[in-house]
Amino acid sequence: MINNEYEKLLAEIEKLKFHNTNLLTLIGTLHDEQMQQPTIHETIVMLDLSKNDLREFTELVQNYNGNNYKLEQDALNINPVFRKNNIISILKAFITSEMLVDKSKEILKSYS
């Protein structure tokens, strides 16, 4: 009985995630210019990040010491979605959302 309820809850969560992603895609299609620079909230939905994933990644950015390889490896340990291109997208979303602007710009500059 409990297992069945758990599976129903997981199915509902998956539906919500699917609908969130579709809604974001629709909004992006309707507002193409604005989606060229997604906010951190939009990026979280697109990459399906949890609150904890974002919190841990934010700490990595705050503690960035100039070593991109270490940043990438530590980020991958948090969530496999944190590959180089996604890290760059998240940093750009931080800047768009006016979060961690200086650190994000510093890290993006190191990738140039």
C-alpha atoms as a PDB file:
ATOM      1  CA  MET A   1       0.000   0.000   0.000  1.00  0.00           C
ATOM      2  CA  ILE A   2       2.707   2.495   0.984  1.00  0.00           C
ATOM      3  CA  ASN A   3       4.804   1.517  -2.049  1.00  0.00           C
ATOM      4  CA  ASN A   4       1.826   2.142  -4.342  1.00  0.00           C
ATOM      5  CA  GLU A   5       1.274   5.615  -2.858  1.00  0.00           C
ATOM      6  CA  TYR A   6       4.977   6.363  -3.253  1.00  0.00           C
ATOM      7  CA  GLU A   7       4.871   5.357  -6.940  1.00  0.00           C
ATOM      8  CA  LYS A   8       1.783   7.536  -7.496  1.00  0.00           C
ATOM      9  CA  LEU A   9       3.553  10.474  -5.882  1.00  0.00           C
ATOM     10  CA  LEU A  10       6.633   9.941  -8.067  1.00  0.00           C
ATOM     11  CA  ALA A  11       4.399   9.826 -11.150  1.00  0.00           C
ATOM     12  CA  GLU A  12       2.776  13.127 -10.132  1.00  0.00           C
ATOM     13  CA  ILE A  13       6.192  14.711  -9.601  1.00  0.00           C
ATOM     14  CA  GLU A  14       7.274  13.578 -13.061  1.00  0.00           C
ATOM     15  CA  LYS A  15       4.114  15.090 -14.564  1.00  0.00           C
ATOM     16  CA  LEU A  16       4.825  18.413 -12.845  1.00  0.00           C
ATOM     17  CA  LYS A  17       8.412  18.413 -14.088  1.00  0.00           C
ATOM     18  CA  PHE A  18       7.184  17.654 -17.611  1.00  0.00           C
ATOM     19  CA  HIS A  19       4.594  20.435 -17.476  1.00  0.00           C
ATOM     20  CA  ASN A  20       7.114  22.929 -16.065  1.00  0.00           C
ATOM     21  CA  THR A  21       9.523  22.170 -18.885  1.00  0.00           C
ATOM     22  CA  ASN A  22       6.795  22.427 -21.521  1.00  0.00           C
ATOM     23  CA  LEU A  23       5.544  25.695 -20.078  1.00  0.00           C
ATOM     24  CA  LEU A  24       9.055  27.101 -20.096  1.00  0.00           C
ATOM     25  CA  THR A  25       9.490  25.991 -23.715  1.00  0.00           C
ATOM     26  CA  LEU A  26       6.222  27.679 -24.682  1.00  0.00           C
ATOM     27  CA  ILE A  27       7.175  30.885 -22.885  1.00  0.00           C
ATOM     28  CA  GLY A  28      10.572  30.756 -24.568  1.00  0.00           C
ATOM     29  CA  THR A  29       8.962  30.386 -27.971  1.00  0.00           C
ATOM     30  CA  LEU A  30       6.654  33.342 -27.341  1.00  0.00           C
ATOM     31  CA  HIS A  31       9.397  35.552 -25.878  1.00  0.00           C
ATOM     32  CA  ASP A  32      12.411  34.467 -27.888  1.00  0.00           C
ATOM     33  CA  GLU A  33      14.463  37.634 -27.293  1.00  0.00           C
ATOM     34  CA  GLN A  34      14.128  37.381 -23.526  1.00  0.00           C
ATOM     35  CA  MET A  35      15.022  33.687 -23.511  1.00  0.00           C
ATOM     36  CA  GLN A  36      18.392  34.491 -25.041  1.00  0.00           C
ATOM     37  CA  GLN A  37      19.425  35.319 -21.474  1.00  0.00           C
ATOM     38  CA  PRO A  38      17.498  32.955 -19.189  1.00  0.00           C
ATOM     39  CA  THR A  39      17.248  33.717 -15.499  1.00  0.00           C
ATOM     40  CA  ILE A  40      18.541  31.304 -12.908  1.00  0.00           C
ATOM     41  CA  HIS A  41      14.965  30.173 -12.244  1.00  0.00           C
ATOM     42  CA  GLU A  42      14.428  29.302 -15.903  1.00  0.00           C
ATOM     43  CA  THR A  43      17.785  27.543 -16.014  1.00  0.00           C
ATOM     44  CA  ILE A  44      16.920  25.484 -12.930  1.00  0.00           C
ATOM     45  CA  VAL A  45      13.775  24.216 -14.679  1.00  0.00           C
ATOM     46  CA  MET A  46      15.594  23.527 -17.942  1.00  0.00           C
ATOM     47  CA  LEU A  47      18.358  21.544 -16.237  1.00  0.00           C
ATOM     48  CA  ASP A  48      16.024  19.967 -13.650  1.00  0.00           C
ATOM     49  CA  LEU A  49      18.170  21.059 -10.711  1.00  0.00           C
ATOM     50  CA  SER A  50      17.147  20.558  -7.113  1.00  0.00           C
ATOM     51  CA  LYS A  51      17.388  23.265  -4.488  1.00  0.00           C
ATOM     52  CA  ASN A  52      20.289  21.380  -2.929  1.00  0.00           C
ATOM     53  CA  ASP A  53      22.101  21.112  -6.298  1.00  0.00           C
ATOM     54  CA  LEU A  54      21.815  24.860  -6.767  1.00  0.00           C
ATOM     55  CA  ARG A  55      22.909  25.582  -3.206  1.00  0.00           C
ATOM     56  CA  GLU A  56      26.019  23.388  -3.524  1.00  0.00           C
ATOM     57  CA  PHE A  57      26.892  24.817  -6.940  1.00  0.00           C
ATOM     58  CA  THR A  58      26.453  28.344  -5.582  1.00  0.00           C
ATOM     59  CA  GLU A  59      28.961  27.530  -2.829  1.00  0.00           C
ATOM     60  CA  LEU A  60      31.428  26.306  -5.463  1.00  0.00           C
ATOM     61  CA  VAL A  61      31.084  29.580  -7.346  1.00  0.00           C
ATOM     62  CA  GLN A  62      31.491  31.628  -4.163  1.00  0.00           C
ATOM     63  CA  ASN A  63      34.642  29.656  -3.259  1.00  0.00           C
ATOM     64  CA  TYR A  64      36.104  29.646  -6.784  1.00  0.00           C
ATOM     65  CA  ASN A  65      39.892  29.873  -6.641  1.00  0.00           C
ATOM     66  CA  GLY A  66      40.801  30.142 -10.318  1.00  0.00           C
ATOM     67  CA  ASN A  67      40.935  26.411 -11.052  1.00  0.00           C
ATOM     68  CA  ASN A  68      38.309  25.572 -13.696  1.00  0.00           C
ATOM     69  CA  TYR A  69      39.165  21.873 -13.692  1.00  0.00           C
ATOM     70  CA  LYS A  70      38.521  21.624  -9.952  1.00  0.00           C
ATOM     71  CA  LEU A  71      35.289  23.600 -10.313  1.00  0.00           C
ATOM     72  CA  GLU A  72      34.084  21.236 -13.042  1.00  0.00           C
ATOM     73  CA  GLN A  73      35.058  18.085 -11.130  1.00  0.00           C
ATOM     74  CA  ASP A  74      33.464  19.290  -7.888  1.00  0.00           C
ATOM     75  CA  ALA A  75      30.332  20.294  -9.802  1.00  0.00           C
ATOM     76  CA  LEU A  76      30.104  16.862 -11.447  1.00  0.00           C
ATOM     77  CA  ASN A  77      30.232  15.306  -7.989  1.00  0.00           C
ATOM     78  CA  ILE A  78      27.101  17.292  -7.114  1.00  0.00           C
ATOM     79  CA  ASN A  79      25.136  16.369 -10.233  1.00  0.00           C
ATOM     80  CA  PRO A  80      26.213  14.872 -13.593  1.00  0.00           C
ATOM     81  CA  VAL A  81      24.326  17.646 -15.397  1.00  0.00           C
ATOM     82  CA  PHE A  82      27.071  20.089 -14.332  1.00  0.00           C
ATOM     83  CA  ARG A  83      29.190  19.725 -17.452  1.00  0.00           C
ATOM     84  CA  LYS A  84      31.251  22.614 -18.813  1.00  0.00           C
ATOM     85  CA  ASN A  85      28.578  24.009 -21.176  1.00  0.00           C
ATOM     86  CA  ASN A  86      25.885  23.835 -18.492  1.00  0.00           C
ATOM     87  CA  ILE A  87      28.196  25.465 -15.955  1.00  0.00           C
ATOM     88  CA  ILE A  88      28.739  28.342 -18.381  1.00  0.00           C
ATOM     89  CA  SER A  89      24.967  28.623 -18.938  1.00  0.00           C
ATOM     90  CA  ILE A  90      24.322  28.694 -15.199  1.00  0.00           C
ATOM     91  CA  LEU A  91      26.962  31.373 -14.673  1.00  0.00           C
ATOM     92  CA  LYS A  92      25.330  33.496 -17.386  1.00  0.00           C
ATOM     93  CA  ALA A  93      21.953  32.943 -15.700  1.00  0.00           C
ATOM     94  CA  PHE A  94      23.447  34.109 -12.388  1.00  0.00           C
ATOM     95  CA  ILE A  95      24.520  37.325 -14.091  1.00  0.00           C
ATOM     96  CA  THR A  96      21.105  37.808 -15.738  1.00  0.00           C
ATOM     97  CA  SER A  97      19.480  37.286 -12.328  1.00  0.00           C
ATOM     98  CA  GLU A  98      22.017  39.655 -10.719  1.00  0.00           C
ATOM     99  CA  MET A  99      23.346  36.913  -8.434  1.00  0.00           C
ATOM    100  CA  LEU A 100      27.061  36.350  -7.842  1.00  0.00           C
ATOM    101  CA  VAL A 101      27.777  38.737 -10.705  1.00  0.00           C
ATOM    102  CA  ASP A 102      31.462  39.387  -9.978  1.00  0.00           C
ATOM    103  CA  LYS A 103      32.372  35.747  -9.326  1.00  0.00           C
ATOM    104  CA  SER A 104      30.372  34.559 -12.346  1.00  0.00           C
ATOM    105  CA  LYS A 105      32.075  37.102 -14.614  1.00  0.00           C
ATOM    106  CA  GLU A 106      35.477  36.080 -13.215  1.00  0.00           C
ATOM    107  CA  ILE A 107      34.832  32.421 -13.992  1.00  0.00           C
ATOM    108  CA  LEU A 108      33.378  33.151 -17.436  1.00  0.00           C
ATOM    109  CA  LYS A 109      36.410  35.285 -18.247  1.00  0.00           C
ATOM    110  CA  SER A 110      38.675  32.356 -17.356  1.00  0.00           C
ATOM    111  CA  TYR A 111      36.840  30.230 -19.938  1.00  0.00           C
ATOM    112  CA  SER A 112      37.467  32.797 -22.712  1.00  0.00           C
END
